[in-house]
């Protein structure tokens, strides 16, 4: 699915210079926020950000966002 977001001019002007006009950076910020809010899994958020899981995990670390990993996640990983 392709989604187009329209950002109001006033909001766009308020974005920091490193985000203004940088759709990939905005996607990364969105992915980190949705992951932190537990709306996306690690894999889903990494895909949204256009990063592999390790690079996305490093971005989370830079933002001091904890990794969500439950006992159910462990059981799923072990089961393969």
PDB file of N, CA and C in Angstrom:
ATOM      1  N   UNK A   1       0.845  -1.164   0.000  1.00  0.00           N
ATOM      2  CA  UNK A   1       0.000   0.000   0.000  1.00  0.00           C
ATOM      3  C   UNK A   1       0.896   1.235   0.000  1.00  0.00           C
ATOM      4  N   UNK A   2       0.498   2.205  -0.758  1.00  0.00           N
ATOM      5  CA  UNK A   2       1.223   3.466  -0.788  1.00  0.00           C
ATOM      6  C   UNK A   2       0.335   4.523  -0.145  1.00  0.00           C
ATOM      7  N   UNK A   3       0.911   5.279   0.785  1.00  0.00           N
ATOM      8  CA  UNK A   3       0.196   6.341   1.477  1.00  0.00           C
ATOM      9  C   UNK A   3       0.950   7.643   1.250  1.00  0.00           C
ATOM     10  N   UNK A   4       0.229   8.672   0.913  1.00  0.00           N
ATOM     11  CA  UNK A   4       0.821   9.992   0.743  1.00  0.00           C
ATOM     12  C   UNK A   4       0.356  10.866   1.897  1.00  0.00           C
ATOM     13  N   UNK A   5       1.308  11.464   2.592  1.00  0.00           N
ATOM     14  CA  UNK A   5       0.981  12.355   3.699  1.00  0.00           C
ATOM     15  C   UNK A   5       1.157  13.794   3.261  1.00  0.00           C
ATOM     16  N   UNK A   6       0.202  14.601   3.613  1.00  0.00           N
ATOM     17  CA  UNK A   6       0.299  16.028   3.330  1.00  0.00           C
ATOM     18  C   UNK A   6       0.560  16.740   4.651  1.00  0.00           C
ATOM     19  N   UNK A   7       1.688  17.421   4.714  1.00  0.00           N
ATOM     20  CA  UNK A   7       2.071  18.130   5.928  1.00  0.00           C
ATOM     21  C   UNK A   7       1.744  19.607   5.733  1.00  0.00           C
ATOM     22  N   UNK A   8       0.936  20.173   6.618  1.00  0.00           N
ATOM     23  CA  UNK A   8       0.610  21.594   6.482  1.00  0.00           C
ATOM     24  C   UNK A   8       1.883  22.444   6.459  1.00  0.00           C
ATOM     25  N   UNK A   9       1.856  23.505   5.681  1.00  0.00           N
ATOM     26  CA  UNK A   9       3.038  24.371   5.522  1.00  0.00           C
ATOM     27  C   UNK A   9       3.574  24.857   6.864  1.00  0.00           C
ATOM     28  N   UNK A  10       2.684  25.254   7.751  1.00  0.00           N
ATOM     29  CA  UNK A  10       3.121  25.765   9.057  1.00  0.00           C
ATOM     30  C   UNK A  10       3.890  24.697   9.834  1.00  0.00           C
ATOM     31  N   UNK A  11       3.442  23.457   9.757  1.00  0.00           N
ATOM     32  CA  UNK A  11       4.132  22.361  10.441  1.00  0.00           C
ATOM     33  C   UNK A  11       5.453  22.066   9.735  1.00  0.00           C
ATOM     34  N   UNK A  12       5.425  22.031   8.415  1.00  0.00           N
ATOM     35  CA  UNK A  12       6.650  21.763   7.655  1.00  0.00           C
ATOM     36  C   UNK A  12       7.732  22.792   7.961  1.00  0.00           C
ATOM     37  N   UNK A  13       7.333  24.047   8.094  1.00  0.00           N
ATOM     38  CA  UNK A  13       8.311  25.094   8.418  1.00  0.00           C
ATOM     39  C   UNK A  13       8.876  24.923   9.828  1.00  0.00           C
ATOM     40  N   UNK A  14       8.129  24.273  10.702  1.00  0.00           N
ATOM     41  CA  UNK A  14       8.582  24.077  12.084  1.00  0.00           C
ATOM     42  C   UNK A  14       9.517  22.878  12.225  1.00  0.00           C
ATOM     43  N   UNK A  15       9.613  22.032  11.184  1.00  0.00           N
ATOM     44  CA  UNK A  15      10.490  20.866  11.261  1.00  0.00           C
ATOM     45  C   UNK A  15      11.949  21.294  11.325  1.00  0.00           C
ATOM     46  N   UNK A  16      12.759  20.561  12.082  1.00  0.00           N
ATOM     47  CA  UNK A  16      14.202  20.854  12.092  1.00  0.00           C
ATOM     48  C   UNK A  16      14.780  20.703  10.684  1.00  0.00           C
ATOM     49  N   UNK A  17      15.836  21.427  10.416  1.00  0.00           N
ATOM     50  CA  UNK A  17      16.445  21.418   9.080  1.00  0.00           C
ATOM     51  C   UNK A  17      16.809  20.022   8.601  1.00  0.00           C
ATOM     52  N   UNK A  18      17.232  19.142   9.521  1.00  0.00           N
ATOM     53  CA  UNK A  18      17.632  17.801   9.090  1.00  0.00           C
ATOM     54  C   UNK A  18      16.440  16.929   8.702  1.00  0.00           C
ATOM     55  N   UNK A  19      15.216  17.374   8.964  1.00  0.00           N
ATOM     56  CA  UNK A  19      14.024  16.622   8.578  1.00  0.00           C
ATOM     57  C   UNK A  19      13.286  17.258   7.414  1.00  0.00           C
ATOM     58  N   UNK A  20      13.360  18.550   7.288  1.00  0.00           N
ATOM     59  CA  UNK A  20      12.622  19.254   6.242  1.00  0.00           C
ATOM     60  C   UNK A  20      13.063  18.755   4.869  1.00  0.00           C
ATOM     61  N   UNK A  21      12.112  18.315   4.091  1.00  0.00           N
ATOM     62  CA  UNK A  21      12.409  17.849   2.736  1.00  0.00           C
ATOM     63  C   UNK A  21      13.138  16.527   2.684  1.00  0.00           C
ATOM     64  N   UNK A  22      13.145  15.793   3.771  1.00  0.00           N
ATOM     65  CA  UNK A  22      13.837  14.504   3.829  1.00  0.00           C
ATOM     66  C   UNK A  22      12.835  13.397   4.165  1.00  0.00           C
ATOM     67  N   UNK A  23      12.123  12.875   3.173  1.00  0.00           N
ATOM     68  CA  UNK A  23      11.091  11.870   3.452  1.00  0.00           C
ATOM     69  C   UNK A  23      11.613  10.629   4.176  1.00  0.00           C
ATOM     70  N   UNK A  24      12.823  10.191   3.855  1.00  0.00           N
ATOM     71  CA  UNK A  24      13.361   8.994   4.528  1.00  0.00           C
ATOM     72  C   UNK A  24      13.583   9.253   6.012  1.00  0.00           C
ATOM     73  N   UNK A  25      14.059  10.452   6.346  1.00  0.00           N
ATOM     74  CA  UNK A  25      14.250  10.804   7.765  1.00  0.00           C
ATOM     75  C   UNK A  25      12.907  10.884   8.475  1.00  0.00           C
ATOM     76  N   UNK A  26      11.905  11.429   7.796  1.00  0.00           N
ATOM     77  CA  UNK A  26      10.571  11.495   8.396  1.00  0.00           C
ATOM     78  C   UNK A  26      10.013  10.096   8.625  1.00  0.00           C
ATOM     79  N   UNK A  27      10.242   9.191   7.680  1.00  0.00           N
ATOM     80  CA  UNK A  27       9.795   7.807   7.858  1.00  0.00           C
ATOM     81  C   UNK A  27      10.497   7.152   9.045  1.00  0.00           C
ATOM     82  N   UNK A  28      11.782   7.438   9.211  1.00  0.00           N
ATOM     83  CA  UNK A  28      12.517   6.891  10.345  1.00  0.00           C
ATOM     84  C   UNK A  28      11.926   7.402  11.655  1.00  0.00           C
ATOM     85  N   UNK A  29      11.656   8.690  11.722  1.00  0.00           N
ATOM     86  CA  UNK A  29      11.064   9.258  12.940  1.00  0.00           C
ATOM     87  C   UNK A  29       9.687   8.653  13.210  1.00  0.00           C
ATOM     88  N   UNK A  30       8.896   8.492  12.166  1.00  0.00           N
ATOM     89  CA  UNK A  30       7.571   7.884  12.304  1.00  0.00           C
ATOM     90  C   UNK A  30       7.700   6.437  12.777  1.00  0.00           C
ATOM     91  N   UNK A  31       8.615   5.694  12.182  1.00  0.00           N
ATOM     92  CA  UNK A  31       8.819   4.301  12.557  1.00  0.00           C
ATOM     93  C   UNK A  31       9.250   4.179  14.022  1.00  0.00           C
ATOM     94  N   UNK A  32      10.165   5.028  14.453  1.00  0.00           N
ATOM     95  CA  UNK A  32      10.622   4.989  15.845  1.00  0.00           C
ATOM     96  C   UNK A  32       9.477   5.324  16.799  1.00  0.00           C
ATOM     97  N   UNK A  33       8.690   6.324  16.449  1.00  0.00           N
ATOM     98  CA  UNK A  33       7.565   6.706  17.299  1.00  0.00           C
ATOM     99  C   UNK A  33       6.518   5.609  17.398  1.00  0.00           C
ATOM    100  N   UNK A  34       6.199   4.989  16.264  1.00  0.00           N
ATOM    101  CA  UNK A  34       5.207   3.912  16.284  1.00  0.00           C
ATOM    102  C   UNK A  34       5.728   2.689  17.024  1.00  0.00           C
ATOM    103  N   UNK A  35       7.029   2.422  16.899  1.00  0.00           N
ATOM    104  CA  UNK A  35       7.615   1.314  17.655  1.00  0.00           C
ATOM    105  C   UNK A  35       7.576   1.616  19.147  1.00  0.00           C
ATOM    106  N   UNK A  36       7.976   2.810  19.533  1.00  0.00           N
ATOM    107  CA  UNK A  36       7.989   3.198  20.953  1.00  0.00           C
ATOM    108  C   UNK A  36       6.587   3.130  21.549  1.00  0.00           C
ATOM    109  N   UNK A  37       5.580   3.436  20.746  1.00  0.00           N
ATOM    110  CA  UNK A  37       4.185   3.388  21.213  1.00  0.00           C
ATOM    111  C   UNK A  37       3.600   1.980  21.121  1.00  0.00           C
ATOM    112  N   UNK A  38       4.434   1.019  20.692  1.00  0.00           N
ATOM    113  CA  UNK A  38       4.031  -0.387  20.555  1.00  0.00           C
ATOM    114  C   UNK A  38       2.918  -0.584  19.533  1.00  0.00           C
ATOM    115  N   UNK A  39       2.942   0.242  18.506  1.00  0.00           N
ATOM    116  CA  UNK A  39       1.973   0.126  17.411  1.00  0.00           C
ATOM    117  C   UNK A  39       2.522  -0.720  16.267  1.00  0.00           C
ATOM    118  N   UNK A  40       3.854  -0.834  16.180  1.00  0.00           N
ATOM    119  CA  UNK A  40       4.516  -1.668  15.188  1.00  0.00           C
ATOM    120  C   UNK A  40       5.531  -2.560  15.871  1.00  0.00           C
ATOM    121  N   UNK A  41       5.743  -3.739  15.301  1.00  0.00           N
ATOM    122  CA  UNK A  41       6.806  -4.611  15.799  1.00  0.00           C
ATOM    123  C   UNK A  41       8.150  -4.055  15.339  1.00  0.00           C
ATOM    124  N   UNK A  42       9.198  -4.627  15.878  1.00  0.00           N
ATOM    125  CA  UNK A  42      10.554  -4.228  15.491  1.00  0.00           C
ATOM    126  C   UNK A  42      10.733  -4.412  13.988  1.00  0.00           C
ATOM    127  N   UNK A  43      10.334  -5.560  13.472  1.00  0.00           N
ATOM    128  CA  UNK A  43      10.505  -5.843  12.046  1.00  0.00           C
ATOM    129  C   UNK A  43       9.666  -4.894  11.192  1.00  0.00           C
ATOM    130  N   UNK A  44       8.439  -4.630  11.590  1.00  0.00           N
ATOM    131  CA  UNK A  44       7.571  -3.726  10.836  1.00  0.00           C
ATOM    132  C   UNK A  44       8.130  -2.307  10.822  1.00  0.00           C
ATOM    133  N   UNK A  45       8.582  -1.844  11.968  1.00  0.00           N
ATOM    134  CA  UNK A  45       9.123  -0.494  12.060  1.00  0.00           C
ATOM    135  C   UNK A  45      10.415  -0.368  11.248  1.00  0.00           C
ATOM    136  N   UNK A  46      11.258  -1.386  11.300  1.00  0.00           N
ATOM    137  CA  UNK A  46      12.490  -1.364  10.502  1.00  0.00           C
ATOM    138  C   UNK A  46      12.158  -1.288   9.020  1.00  0.00           C
ATOM    139  N   UNK A  47      11.161  -2.051   8.596  1.00  0.00           N
ATOM    140  CA  UNK A  47      10.757  -2.024   7.185  1.00  0.00           C
ATOM    141  C   UNK A  47      10.228  -0.646   6.799  1.00  0.00           C
ATOM    142  N   UNK A  48       9.396  -0.061   7.642  1.00  0.00           N
ATOM    143  CA  UNK A  48       8.875   1.285   7.372  1.00  0.00           C
ATOM    144  C   UNK A  48      10.007   2.289   7.239  1.00  0.00           C
ATOM    145  N   UNK A  49      11.008   2.151   8.088  1.00  0.00           N
ATOM    146  CA  UNK A  49      12.148   3.073   8.068  1.00  0.00           C
ATOM    147  C   UNK A  49      13.095   2.807   6.899  1.00  0.00           C
ATOM    148  N   UNK A  50      12.935   1.657   6.243  1.00  0.00           N
ATOM    149  CA  UNK A  50      13.826   1.316   5.132  1.00  0.00           C
ATOM    150  C   UNK A  50      15.193   0.863   5.596  1.00  0.00           C
ATOM    151  N   UNK A  51      15.242   0.284   6.812  1.00  0.00           N
ATOM    152  CA  UNK A  51      16.503  -0.172   7.388  1.00  0.00           C
ATOM    153  C   UNK A  51      16.432  -1.663   7.678  1.00  0.00           C
ATOM    154  N   UNK A  52      17.603  -2.307   7.754  1.00  0.00           N
ATOM    155  CA  UNK A  52      17.585  -3.679   8.252  1.00  0.00           C
ATOM    156  C   UNK A  52      17.394  -3.615   9.766  1.00  0.00           C
ATOM    157  N   UNK A  53      17.107  -4.759  10.369  1.00  0.00           N
ATOM    158  CA  UNK A  53      16.731  -4.770  11.783  1.00  0.00           C
ATOM    159  C   UNK A  53      17.863  -4.291  12.691  1.00  0.00           C
ATOM    160  N   UNK A  54      19.099  -4.627  12.354  1.00  0.00           N
ATOM    161  CA  UNK A  54      20.228  -4.200  13.180  1.00  0.00           C
ATOM    162  C   UNK A  54      20.398  -2.681  13.127  1.00  0.00           C
ATOM    163  N   UNK A  55      20.335  -2.107  11.930  1.00  0.00           N
ATOM    164  CA  UNK A  55      20.463  -0.651  11.808  1.00  0.00           C
ATOM    165  C   UNK A  55      19.314   0.060  12.517  1.00  0.00           C
ATOM    166  N   UNK A  56      18.099  -0.503  12.420  1.00  0.00           N
ATOM    167  CA  UNK A  56      16.970   0.102  13.116  1.00  0.00           C
ATOM    168  C   UNK A  56      17.176   0.024  14.630  1.00  0.00           C
ATOM    169  N   UNK A  57      17.687  -1.097  15.099  1.00  0.00           N
ATOM    170  CA  UNK A  57      17.954  -1.244  16.533  1.00  0.00           C
ATOM    171  C   UNK A  57      18.976  -0.206  16.996  1.00  0.00           C
ATOM    172  N   UNK A  58      19.982   0.076  16.182  1.00  0.00           N
ATOM    173  CA  UNK A  58      20.964   1.104  16.523  1.00  0.00           C
ATOM    174  C   UNK A  58      20.296   2.478  16.606  1.00  0.00           C
ATOM    175  N   UNK A  59      19.380   2.756  15.684  1.00  0.00           N
ATOM    176  CA  UNK A  59      18.647   4.030  15.730  1.00  0.00           C
ATOM    177  C   UNK A  59      17.822   4.129  17.008  1.00  0.00           C
ATOM    178  N   UNK A  60      17.196   3.030  17.409  1.00  0.00           N
ATOM    179  CA  UNK A  60      16.438   3.032  18.657  1.00  0.00           C
ATOM    180  C   UNK A  60      17.364   3.337  19.832  1.00  0.00           C
ATOM    181  N   UNK A  61      18.547   2.742  19.822  1.00  0.00           N
ATOM    182  CA  UNK A  61      19.510   2.987  20.889  1.00  0.00           C
ATOM    183  C   UNK A  61      19.930   4.441  20.959  1.00  0.00           C
ATOM    184  N   UNK A  62      20.149   5.058  19.807  1.00  0.00           N
ATOM    185  CA  UNK A  62      20.523   6.475  19.779  1.00  0.00           C
ATOM    186  C   UNK A  62      19.435   7.353  20.391  1.00  0.00           C
ATOM    187  N   UNK A  63      18.186   6.905  20.251  1.00  0.00           N
ATOM    188  CA  UNK A  63      17.049   7.662  20.786  1.00  0.00           C
ATOM    189  C   UNK A  63      16.657   7.203  22.188  1.00  0.00           C
ATOM    190  N   UNK A  64      17.410   6.237  22.713  1.00  0.00           N
ATOM    191  CA  UNK A  64      17.150   5.658  24.036  1.00  0.00           C
ATOM    192  C   UNK A  64      15.739   5.082  24.144  1.00  0.00           C
ATOM    193  N   UNK A  65      15.302   4.433  23.055  1.00  0.00           N
ATOM    194  CA  UNK A  65      14.015   3.746  23.025  1.00  0.00           C
ATOM    195  C   UNK A  65      14.296   2.277  23.322  1.00  0.00           C
ATOM    196  N   UNK A  66      13.717   1.747  24.401  1.00  0.00           N
ATOM    197  CA  UNK A  66      14.004   0.356  24.763  1.00  0.00           C
ATOM    198  C   UNK A  66      13.422  -0.631  23.756  1.00  0.00           C
ATOM    199  N   UNK A  67      14.119  -1.762  23.623  1.00  0.00           N
ATOM    200  CA  UNK A  67      13.651  -2.842  22.763  1.00  0.00           C
ATOM    201  C   UNK A  67      12.532  -3.575  23.490  1.00  0.00           C
ATOM    202  N   UNK A  68      11.423  -3.800  22.796  1.00  0.00           N
ATOM    203  CA  UNK A  68      10.300  -4.541  23.366  1.00  0.00           C
ATOM    204  C   UNK A  68      10.479  -6.006  22.989  1.00  0.00           C
ATOM    205  N   UNK A  69      10.762  -6.820  23.951  1.00  0.00           N
ATOM    206  CA  UNK A  69      10.968  -8.239  23.689  1.00  0.00           C
ATOM    207  C   UNK A  69      10.373  -9.005  24.852  1.00  0.00           C
ATOM    208  N   UNK A  70       9.260  -9.670  24.573  1.00  0.00           N
ATOM    209  CA  UNK A  70       8.528 -10.366  25.622  1.00  0.00           C
ATOM    210  C   UNK A  70       8.891 -11.846  25.650  1.00  0.00           C
ATOM    211  N   UNK A  71       8.437 -12.520  26.685  1.00  0.00           N
ATOM    212  CA  UNK A  71       8.644 -13.974  26.760  1.00  0.00           C
ATOM    213  C   UNK A  71       7.941 -14.674  25.600  1.00  0.00           C
ATOM    214  N   UNK A  72       6.824 -14.096  25.139  1.00  0.00           N
ATOM    215  CA  UNK A  72       6.129 -14.665  23.981  1.00  0.00           C
ATOM    216  C   UNK A  72       6.984 -14.524  22.716  1.00  0.00           C
ATOM    217  N   UNK A  73       7.678 -13.387  22.585  1.00  0.00           N
ATOM    218  CA  UNK A  73       8.579 -13.204  21.465  1.00  0.00           C
ATOM    219  C   UNK A  73       9.704 -14.245  21.491  1.00  0.00           C
ATOM    220  N   UNK A  74      10.235 -14.490  22.682  1.00  0.00           N
ATOM    221  CA  UNK A  74      11.295 -15.489  22.839  1.00  0.00           C
ATOM    222  C   UNK A  74      10.793 -16.869  22.433  1.00  0.00           C
ATOM    223  N   UNK A  75       9.618 -17.239  22.936  1.00  0.00           N
ATOM    224  CA  UNK A  75       9.054 -18.546  22.594  1.00  0.00           C
ATOM    225  C   UNK A  75       8.837 -18.677  21.094  1.00  0.00           C
ATOM    226  N   UNK A  76       8.368 -17.619  20.463  1.00  0.00           N
ATOM    227  CA  UNK A  76       8.158 -17.629  19.015  1.00  0.00           C
ATOM    228  C   UNK A  76       9.480 -17.797  18.288  1.00  0.00           C
ATOM    229  N   UNK A  77      10.521 -17.075  18.729  1.00  0.00           N
ATOM    230  CA  UNK A  77      11.827 -17.180  18.094  1.00  0.00           C
ATOM    231  C   UNK A  77      12.434 -18.565  18.254  1.00  0.00           C
ATOM    232  N   UNK A  78      12.269 -19.152  19.421  1.00  0.00           N
ATOM    233  CA  UNK A  78      12.815 -20.479  19.679  1.00  0.00           C
ATOM    234  C   UNK A  78      12.096 -21.533  18.812  1.00  0.00           C
ATOM    235  N   UNK A  79      10.776 -21.365  18.678  1.00  0.00           N
ATOM    236  CA  UNK A  79       9.990 -22.313  17.907  1.00  0.00           C
ATOM    237  C   UNK A  79      10.348 -22.248  16.419  1.00  0.00           C
ATOM    238  N   UNK A  80      10.917 -21.125  16.019  1.00  0.00           N
ATOM    239  CA  UNK A  80      11.385 -20.980  14.655  1.00  0.00           C
ATOM    240  C   UNK A  80      10.329 -20.551  13.725  1.00  0.00           C
TER     241      UNK A  80
END
